[in-house]
Amino acid sequence: MRIKEHFDNSVLQFYRIKNKFVRFLFVGVLNSAFSFSIYSLLIYIGVHYTISVFVSSTLGVLFNYKTTGKLVFEHHNNKLIFKFIGVFLFTYLLSIGSLRLLFMINVDKYSGVIIIALPIAVVSFFLNKKFVFKNKVEIV
């Protein structure tokens, strides 16, 4: 029971951060660590990288949906997953397009990702806030 109490206290502390965009950034780091860990584990045990990317991305989106919904927007409506995936796909395509433009002006692949990270996070936050988690409804 002590682990659950510690977890509950940690979540309560997290909710004390009133700025949802700051929470969104923290959750983004958590989500990235989760996806990278899944990918790394699969590579380590010998799974082909294409399958590792697919599995880690799929699980990452599901994990991201739950953590963003609960920890950032305090939302528990599982019916919003398709809207969330829509926003994810839009920001993915926006990222690819932005990188392509940066590559055309000779920005390297590492710097390009760093350059677009914050603008894409801002777009993702506002799209999720406006279209996915717009009203707080308790449907489980």
N, C-alpha and C. Protein backbone atom coordinates (compact mmCIF):
# COMPACT_ATOMS: atom_id res chain seq x y z
N MET A 1 0.82 -1.20 0.00
CA MET A 1 0.00 0.00 0.00
C MET A 1 0.86 1.26 0.00
N ARG A 2 2.07 1.16 0.47
CA ARG A 2 2.94 2.34 0.54
C ARG A 2 3.30 2.86 -0.85
N ILE A 3 3.45 1.98 -1.82
CA ILE A 3 3.77 2.42 -3.18
C ILE A 3 2.60 3.22 -3.75
N LYS A 4 1.39 2.75 -3.54
CA LYS A 4 0.21 3.47 -4.01
C LYS A 4 0.10 4.84 -3.35
N GLU A 5 0.36 4.93 -2.07
CA GLU A 5 0.31 6.21 -1.37
C GLU A 5 1.37 7.16 -1.92
N HIS A 6 2.56 6.64 -2.17
CA HIS A 6 3.63 7.47 -2.73
C HIS A 6 3.23 7.97 -4.11
N PHE A 7 2.66 7.08 -4.94
CA PHE A 7 2.22 7.46 -6.27
C PHE A 7 1.13 8.53 -6.19
N ASP A 8 0.15 8.32 -5.34
CA ASP A 8 -0.94 9.29 -5.18
C ASP A 8 -0.41 10.64 -4.73
N ASN A 9 0.55 10.66 -3.81
CA ASN A 9 1.15 11.92 -3.36
C ASN A 9 1.90 12.61 -4.50
N SER A 10 2.59 11.81 -5.31
CA SER A 10 3.33 12.38 -6.45
C SER A 10 2.38 13.02 -7.44
N VAL A 11 1.27 12.35 -7.72
CA VAL A 11 0.27 12.91 -8.65
C VAL A 11 -0.32 14.19 -8.08
N LEU A 12 -0.63 14.20 -6.79
CA LEU A 12 -1.15 15.42 -6.16
C LEU A 12 -0.15 16.56 -6.25
N GLN A 13 1.12 16.28 -6.04
CA GLN A 13 2.15 17.30 -6.17
C GLN A 13 2.20 17.83 -7.61
N PHE A 14 2.06 16.92 -8.57
CA PHE A 14 2.08 17.31 -9.97
C PHE A 14 0.93 18.25 -10.30
N TYR A 15 -0.26 17.98 -9.74
CA TYR A 15 -1.43 18.82 -9.98
C TYR A 15 -1.26 20.22 -9.38
N ARG A 16 -0.33 20.39 -8.49
CA ARG A 16 -0.08 21.73 -7.94
C ARG A 16 0.53 22.66 -8.98
N ILE A 17 1.09 22.09 -10.03
CA ILE A 17 1.58 22.91 -11.14
C ILE A 17 0.34 23.37 -11.91
N LYS A 18 0.02 24.63 -11.76
CA LYS A 18 -1.24 25.15 -12.32
C LYS A 18 -1.17 25.37 -13.83
N ASN A 19 0.01 25.69 -14.36
CA ASN A 19 0.16 25.95 -15.78
C ASN A 19 0.13 24.63 -16.54
N LYS A 20 -0.94 24.41 -17.30
CA LYS A 20 -1.10 23.14 -18.00
C LYS A 20 -0.06 22.94 -19.08
N PHE A 21 0.45 24.01 -19.68
CA PHE A 21 1.49 23.85 -20.69
C PHE A 21 2.78 23.32 -20.05
N VAL A 22 3.11 23.80 -18.86
CA VAL A 22 4.28 23.29 -18.15
C VAL A 22 4.07 21.80 -17.83
N ARG A 23 2.87 21.45 -17.38
CA ARG A 23 2.56 20.04 -17.13
C ARG A 23 2.71 19.23 -18.42
N PHE A 24 2.23 19.80 -19.52
CA PHE A 24 2.30 19.15 -20.82
C PHE A 24 3.76 18.85 -21.19
N LEU A 25 4.65 19.79 -20.92
CA LEU A 25 6.07 19.57 -21.23
C LEU A 25 6.66 18.46 -20.36
N PHE A 26 6.34 18.46 -19.07
CA PHE A 26 6.82 17.40 -18.18
C PHE A 26 6.30 16.03 -18.63
N VAL A 27 5.03 15.97 -18.98
CA VAL A 27 4.44 14.71 -19.43
C VAL A 27 5.08 14.29 -20.75
N GLY A 28 5.42 15.24 -21.59
CA GLY A 28 6.11 14.93 -22.84
C GLY A 28 7.43 14.24 -22.61
N VAL A 29 8.17 14.69 -21.61
CA VAL A 29 9.44 14.04 -21.26
C VAL A 29 9.17 12.61 -20.76
N LEU A 30 8.17 12.46 -19.91
CA LEU A 30 7.80 11.13 -19.42
C LEU A 30 7.41 10.21 -20.58
N ASN A 31 6.60 10.72 -21.50
CA ASN A 31 6.16 9.92 -22.64
C ASN A 31 7.32 9.53 -23.54
N SER A 32 8.24 10.45 -23.76
CA SER A 32 9.41 10.15 -24.58
C SER A 32 10.27 9.07 -23.94
N ALA A 33 10.45 9.18 -22.63
CA ALA A 33 11.24 8.17 -21.91
C ALA A 33 10.56 6.80 -22.00
N PHE A 34 9.24 6.78 -21.90
CA PHE A 34 8.50 5.52 -22.00
C PHE A 34 8.71 4.89 -23.38
N SER A 35 8.48 5.66 -24.44
CA SER A 35 8.62 5.13 -25.80
C SER A 35 10.05 4.68 -26.08
N PHE A 36 11.02 5.49 -25.66
CA PHE A 36 12.42 5.13 -25.87
C PHE A 36 12.78 3.85 -25.12
N SER A 37 12.25 3.69 -23.92
CA SER A 37 12.52 2.49 -23.13
C SER A 37 11.96 1.24 -23.80
N ILE A 38 10.75 1.34 -24.31
CA ILE A 38 10.14 0.20 -25.02
C ILE A 38 10.98 -0.13 -26.25
N TYR A 39 11.31 0.88 -27.03
CA TYR A 39 12.12 0.68 -28.24
C TYR A 39 13.46 0.03 -27.89
N SER A 40 14.13 0.57 -26.89
CA SER A 40 15.44 0.06 -26.49
C SER A 40 15.37 -1.38 -26.01
N LEU A 41 14.36 -1.69 -25.22
CA LEU A 41 14.18 -3.05 -24.73
C LEU A 41 13.99 -4.02 -25.89
N LEU A 42 13.15 -3.65 -26.84
CA LEU A 42 12.90 -4.53 -27.97
C LEU A 42 14.16 -4.72 -28.83
N ILE A 43 14.90 -3.67 -29.05
CA ILE A 43 16.17 -3.77 -29.79
C ILE A 43 17.13 -4.67 -29.03
N TYR A 44 17.22 -4.50 -27.74
CA TYR A 44 18.12 -5.27 -26.89
C TYR A 44 17.84 -6.77 -26.97
N ILE A 45 16.54 -7.13 -27.02
CA ILE A 45 16.21 -8.56 -27.06
C ILE A 45 16.20 -9.11 -28.49
N GLY A 46 16.58 -8.28 -29.46
CA GLY A 46 16.77 -8.77 -30.82
C GLY A 46 15.62 -8.57 -31.79
N VAL A 47 14.65 -7.77 -31.43
CA VAL A 47 13.52 -7.50 -32.33
C VAL A 47 14.00 -6.54 -33.42
N HIS A 48 13.60 -6.78 -34.67
CA HIS A 48 13.99 -5.92 -35.80
C HIS A 48 13.55 -4.48 -35.53
N TYR A 49 14.36 -3.52 -35.98
CA TYR A 49 14.08 -2.12 -35.66
C TYR A 49 12.72 -1.65 -36.20
N THR A 50 12.27 -2.17 -37.35
CA THR A 50 10.98 -1.72 -37.88
C THR A 50 9.83 -2.14 -36.96
N ILE A 51 9.91 -3.33 -36.43
CA ILE A 51 8.89 -3.79 -35.48
C ILE A 51 9.02 -3.05 -34.16
N SER A 52 10.25 -2.80 -33.74
CA SER A 52 10.49 -2.06 -32.50
C SER A 52 9.91 -0.66 -32.57
N VAL A 53 10.10 0.00 -33.70
CA VAL A 53 9.54 1.35 -33.88
C VAL A 53 8.02 1.29 -33.86
N PHE A 54 7.44 0.33 -34.56
CA PHE A 54 5.98 0.21 -34.62
C PHE A 54 5.39 -0.04 -33.22
N VAL A 55 5.96 -1.00 -32.50
CA VAL A 55 5.44 -1.34 -31.17
C VAL A 55 5.63 -0.18 -30.19
N SER A 56 6.82 0.42 -30.19
CA SER A 56 7.07 1.51 -29.25
C SER A 56 6.22 2.74 -29.59
N SER A 57 5.99 2.98 -30.87
CA SER A 57 5.16 4.12 -31.27
C SER A 57 3.69 3.88 -30.88
N THR A 58 3.21 2.67 -31.15
CA THR A 58 1.82 2.35 -30.82
C THR A 58 1.58 2.43 -29.31
N LEU A 59 2.44 1.76 -28.55
CA LEU A 59 2.29 1.81 -27.09
C LEU A 59 2.53 3.23 -26.58
N GLY A 60 3.45 3.93 -27.21
CA GLY A 60 3.74 5.31 -26.82
C GLY A 60 2.55 6.23 -26.99
N VAL A 61 1.82 6.09 -28.11
CA VAL A 61 0.64 6.93 -28.34
C VAL A 61 -0.43 6.62 -27.29
N LEU A 62 -0.64 5.34 -27.00
CA LEU A 62 -1.64 4.97 -25.99
C LEU A 62 -1.26 5.49 -24.60
N PHE A 63 0.02 5.33 -24.24
CA PHE A 63 0.51 5.83 -22.96
C PHE A 63 0.40 7.35 -22.91
N ASN A 64 0.78 7.98 -24.02
CA ASN A 64 0.73 9.44 -24.13
C ASN A 64 -0.71 9.93 -23.96
N TYR A 65 -1.66 9.23 -24.57
CA TYR A 65 -3.07 9.62 -24.45
C TYR A 65 -3.51 9.60 -22.99
N LYS A 66 -3.20 8.52 -22.29
CA LYS A 66 -3.63 8.39 -20.90
C LYS A 66 -2.94 9.43 -20.00
N THR A 67 -1.63 9.61 -20.16
CA THR A 67 -0.92 10.55 -19.29
C THR A 67 -1.28 12.00 -19.60
N THR A 68 -1.40 12.33 -20.88
CA THR A 68 -1.78 13.70 -21.24
C THR A 68 -3.20 13.99 -20.77
N GLY A 69 -4.10 13.04 -21.00
CA GLY A 69 -5.48 13.24 -20.57
C GLY A 69 -5.60 13.40 -19.07
N LYS A 70 -4.97 12.50 -18.33
CA LYS A 70 -5.12 12.51 -16.88
C LYS A 70 -4.26 13.58 -16.20
N LEU A 71 -2.99 13.62 -16.52
CA LEU A 71 -2.06 14.50 -15.78
C LEU A 71 -2.09 15.95 -16.25
N VAL A 72 -2.38 16.18 -17.52
CA VAL A 72 -2.37 17.56 -18.02
C VAL A 72 -3.78 18.16 -17.98
N PHE A 73 -4.73 17.46 -18.59
CA PHE A 73 -6.07 18.02 -18.74
C PHE A 73 -7.08 17.47 -17.75
N GLU A 74 -6.63 16.57 -16.86
CA GLU A 74 -7.48 15.97 -15.83
C GLU A 74 -8.76 15.40 -16.46
N HIS A 75 -8.57 14.66 -17.51
CA HIS A 75 -9.66 14.12 -18.32
C HIS A 75 -9.55 12.61 -18.34
N HIS A 76 -10.67 11.91 -18.26
CA HIS A 76 -10.65 10.45 -18.21
C HIS A 76 -11.57 9.82 -19.26
N ASN A 77 -11.91 10.55 -20.30
CA ASN A 77 -12.84 10.07 -21.31
C ASN A 77 -12.10 9.24 -22.36
N ASN A 78 -12.24 7.93 -22.30
CA ASN A 78 -11.55 7.05 -23.23
C ASN A 78 -12.08 7.14 -24.65
N LYS A 79 -13.23 7.74 -24.83
CA LYS A 79 -13.81 7.87 -26.17
C LYS A 79 -13.10 8.92 -27.02
N LEU A 80 -12.18 9.67 -26.44
CA LEU A 80 -11.49 10.73 -27.17
C LEU A 80 -10.22 10.25 -27.86
N ILE A 81 -9.91 8.97 -27.76
CA ILE A 81 -8.66 8.45 -28.30
C ILE A 81 -8.50 8.74 -29.79
N PHE A 82 -9.59 8.66 -30.56
CA PHE A 82 -9.47 8.88 -32.00
C PHE A 82 -9.17 10.33 -32.34
N LYS A 83 -9.74 11.26 -31.59
CA LYS A 83 -9.39 12.67 -31.77
C LYS A 83 -7.92 12.90 -31.41
N PHE A 84 -7.47 12.25 -30.34
CA PHE A 84 -6.07 12.37 -29.92
C PHE A 84 -5.15 11.85 -31.01
N ILE A 85 -5.49 10.70 -31.58
CA ILE A 85 -4.68 10.14 -32.66
C ILE A 85 -4.68 11.08 -33.87
N GLY A 86 -5.81 11.71 -34.14
CA GLY A 86 -5.87 12.69 -35.23
C GLY A 86 -4.92 13.86 -35.01
N VAL A 87 -4.89 14.38 -33.79
CA VAL A 87 -3.96 15.47 -33.47
C VAL A 87 -2.52 14.97 -33.57
N PHE A 88 -2.28 13.76 -33.08
CA PHE A 88 -0.95 13.17 -33.17
C PHE A 88 -0.50 13.07 -34.63
N LEU A 89 -1.37 12.56 -35.50
CA LEU A 89 -1.02 12.42 -36.91
C LEU A 89 -0.79 13.78 -37.56
N PHE A 90 -1.62 14.76 -37.22
CA PHE A 90 -1.43 16.11 -37.77
C PHE A 90 -0.07 16.68 -37.36
N THR A 91 0.27 16.58 -36.07
CA THR A 91 1.54 17.14 -35.62
C THR A 91 2.72 16.33 -36.17
N TYR A 92 2.51 15.03 -36.38
CA TYR A 92 3.55 14.22 -37.01
C TYR A 92 3.83 14.73 -38.43
N LEU A 93 2.77 14.93 -39.22
CA LEU A 93 2.93 15.43 -40.58
C LEU A 93 3.52 16.84 -40.59
N LEU A 94 3.09 17.67 -39.64
CA LEU A 94 3.66 19.01 -39.51
C LEU A 94 5.15 18.94 -39.20
N SER A 95 5.54 18.01 -38.36
CA SER A 95 6.95 17.81 -38.03
C SER A 95 7.75 17.40 -39.26
N ILE A 96 7.22 16.44 -40.01
CA ILE A 96 7.90 15.95 -41.21
C ILE A 96 8.05 17.09 -42.22
N GLY A 97 6.97 17.84 -42.43
CA GLY A 97 7.03 18.97 -43.36
C GLY A 97 8.01 20.04 -42.91
N SER A 98 8.00 20.34 -41.63
CA SER A 98 8.92 21.36 -41.09
C SER A 98 10.37 20.91 -41.25
N LEU A 99 10.62 19.65 -40.95
CA LEU A 99 11.98 19.13 -41.12
C LEU A 99 12.42 19.18 -42.58
N ARG A 100 11.51 18.82 -43.46
CA ARG A 100 11.86 18.84 -44.88
C ARG A 100 12.26 20.25 -45.33
N LEU A 101 11.51 21.25 -44.87
CA LEU A 101 11.87 22.64 -45.20
C LEU A 101 13.23 23.01 -44.63
N LEU A 102 13.48 22.61 -43.40
CA LEU A 102 14.78 22.91 -42.78
C LEU A 102 15.91 22.20 -43.51
N PHE A 103 15.69 20.97 -43.95
CA PHE A 103 16.72 20.24 -44.68
C PHE A 103 17.03 20.91 -46.02
N MET A 104 16.01 21.55 -46.61
CA MET A 104 16.20 22.23 -47.89
C MET A 104 17.13 23.44 -47.75
N ILE A 105 17.22 23.98 -46.55
CA ILE A 105 18.15 25.10 -46.33
C ILE A 105 19.38 24.64 -45.55
N ASN A 106 19.66 23.34 -45.67
CA ASN A 106 20.88 22.72 -45.14
C ASN A 106 21.00 22.69 -43.62
N VAL A 107 19.88 22.65 -42.93
CA VAL A 107 19.92 22.42 -41.48
C VAL A 107 20.07 20.91 -41.30
N ASP A 108 20.99 20.50 -40.43
CA ASP A 108 21.22 19.07 -40.26
C ASP A 108 20.07 18.41 -39.49
N LYS A 109 20.01 17.09 -39.56
CA LYS A 109 18.89 16.33 -39.00
C LYS A 109 18.78 16.44 -37.49
N TYR A 110 19.88 16.61 -36.82
CA TYR A 110 19.84 16.72 -35.35
C TYR A 110 19.36 18.11 -34.93
N SER A 111 19.91 19.12 -35.55
CA SER A 111 19.50 20.49 -35.21
C SER A 111 18.06 20.75 -35.60
N GLY A 112 17.63 20.16 -36.72
CA GLY A 112 16.26 20.35 -37.18
C GLY A 112 15.23 19.90 -36.15
N VAL A 113 15.47 18.75 -35.56
CA VAL A 113 14.54 18.23 -34.54
C VAL A 113 14.52 19.15 -33.33
N ILE A 114 15.67 19.67 -32.95
CA ILE A 114 15.74 20.58 -31.81
C ILE A 114 15.00 21.88 -32.13
N ILE A 115 15.16 22.38 -33.35
CA ILE A 115 14.53 23.64 -33.76
C ILE A 115 13.01 23.53 -33.73
N ILE A 116 12.47 22.40 -34.18
CA ILE A 116 11.00 22.28 -34.26
C ILE A 116 10.36 21.78 -32.98
N ALA A 117 11.12 21.28 -32.03
CA ALA A 117 10.54 20.63 -30.84
C ALA A 117 9.55 21.54 -30.10
N LEU A 118 9.95 22.72 -29.72
CA LEU A 118 9.06 23.60 -28.95
C LEU A 118 7.87 24.09 -29.78
N PRO A 119 8.07 24.56 -31.02
CA PRO A 119 6.89 24.97 -31.80
C PRO A 119 5.88 23.83 -32.00
N ILE A 120 6.36 22.63 -32.24
CA ILE A 120 5.45 21.49 -32.42
C ILE A 120 4.75 21.18 -31.10
N ALA A 121 5.46 21.28 -29.98
CA ALA A 121 4.84 21.05 -28.67
C ALA A 121 3.74 22.07 -28.42
N VAL A 122 3.96 23.32 -28.79
CA VAL A 122 2.95 24.37 -28.60
C VAL A 122 1.72 24.05 -29.45
N VAL A 123 1.93 23.69 -30.71
CA VAL A 123 0.81 23.35 -31.60
C VAL A 123 0.05 22.15 -31.03
N SER A 124 0.77 21.13 -30.61
CA SER A 124 0.15 19.93 -30.06
C SER A 124 -0.67 20.25 -28.81
N PHE A 125 -0.11 21.06 -27.93
CA PHE A 125 -0.82 21.44 -26.70
C PHE A 125 -2.14 22.12 -27.03
N PHE A 126 -2.09 23.12 -27.90
CA PHE A 126 -3.31 23.88 -28.19
C PHE A 126 -4.34 23.06 -28.97
N LEU A 127 -3.90 22.19 -29.87
CA LEU A 127 -4.85 21.33 -30.57
C LEU A 127 -5.51 20.34 -29.61
N ASN A 128 -4.71 19.76 -28.71
CA ASN A 128 -5.28 18.86 -27.71
C ASN A 128 -6.24 19.59 -26.79
N LYS A 129 -5.87 20.79 -26.40
CA LYS A 129 -6.72 21.58 -25.50
C LYS A 129 -8.03 21.97 -26.18
N LYS A 130 -7.96 22.36 -27.44
CA LYS A 130 -9.15 22.86 -28.13
C LYS A 130 -10.03 21.76 -28.71
N PHE A 131 -9.43 20.70 -29.25
CA PHE A 131 -10.21 19.70 -29.99
C PHE A 131 -10.38 18.36 -29.28
N VAL A 132 -9.45 18.01 -28.39
CA VAL A 132 -9.54 16.69 -27.78
C VAL A 132 -10.09 16.79 -26.36
N PHE A 133 -9.41 17.52 -25.51
CA PHE A 133 -9.78 17.58 -24.08
C PHE A 133 -10.46 18.89 -23.75
N LYS A 134 -11.41 19.34 -24.59
CA LYS A 134 -12.00 20.65 -24.43
C LYS A 134 -12.95 20.77 -23.24
N ASN A 135 -13.71 19.77 -22.91
CA ASN A 135 -14.57 19.83 -21.72
C ASN A 135 -14.22 18.63 -20.86
N LYS A 136 -14.24 18.85 -19.59
CA LYS A 136 -13.93 17.78 -18.65
C LYS A 136 -15.19 16.97 -18.38
N VAL A 137 -15.21 15.74 -18.92
CA VAL A 137 -16.35 14.85 -18.74
C VAL A 137 -15.83 13.55 -18.18
N GLU A 138 -16.46 13.05 -17.15
CA GLU A 138 -16.03 11.81 -16.50
C GLU A 138 -16.73 10.60 -17.11
N ILE A 139 -16.16 10.06 -18.17
CA ILE A 139 -16.68 8.84 -18.78
C ILE A 139 -15.53 7.84 -18.81
N VAL A 140 -15.71 6.70 -18.19
CA VAL A 140 -14.64 5.70 -18.14
C VAL A 140 -14.94 4.55 -19.01
